[in-house]
Protein backbone atom coordinates (compact mmCIF):
# COMPACT_ATOMS: atom_id res chain seq x y z
CA MET A 1 7.06 -28.98 3.22
CA VAL A 2 7.41 -27.25 -0.08
CA PHE A 3 6.60 -23.68 -0.61
CA GLU A 4 6.40 -21.75 -3.91
CA ARG A 5 8.33 -18.49 -4.12
CA SER A 6 6.31 -15.37 -4.30
CA SER A 7 6.74 -11.79 -3.91
CA GLY A 8 4.75 -8.67 -3.07
CA ILE A 9 4.96 -4.98 -2.21
CA LEU A 10 4.81 -3.67 1.39
CA LEU A 11 3.61 -0.07 1.66
CA HIS A 12 2.54 1.65 4.80
CA PRO A 13 -0.60 3.96 4.30
CA THR A 14 1.35 6.96 5.71
CA SER A 15 3.66 6.74 2.60
CA LEU A 16 0.78 7.70 0.34
CA PRO A 17 -0.09 11.43 -0.35
CA GLY A 18 -2.93 12.72 1.86
CA ARG A 19 -4.80 15.91 2.64
CA TYR A 20 -3.06 16.50 5.95
CA GLY A 21 0.50 15.86 5.16
CA THR A 22 0.34 12.08 6.00
CA GLY A 23 -1.19 9.23 4.03
CA ASP A 24 -4.56 7.64 4.84
CA LEU A 25 -6.75 4.87 3.20
CA GLY A 26 -8.53 7.30 0.96
CA GLN A 27 -8.38 7.59 -2.90
CA TRP A 28 -4.69 7.26 -3.26
CA ALA A 29 -4.61 3.85 -1.37
CA TYR A 30 -7.56 2.51 -3.46
CA GLU A 31 -5.68 3.56 -6.71
CA PHE A 32 -2.35 1.96 -5.43
CA VAL A 33 -4.19 -1.33 -4.84
CA ASP A 34 -6.17 -1.25 -8.11
């Protein structure tokens, strides 16, 4: 089997800013993906 090389970014949702001191899947998550 031959696989092409690829890369990406792994980011846990709690690494994003949030209202309560930890990250969530709110506005910042959508902006990061966009």
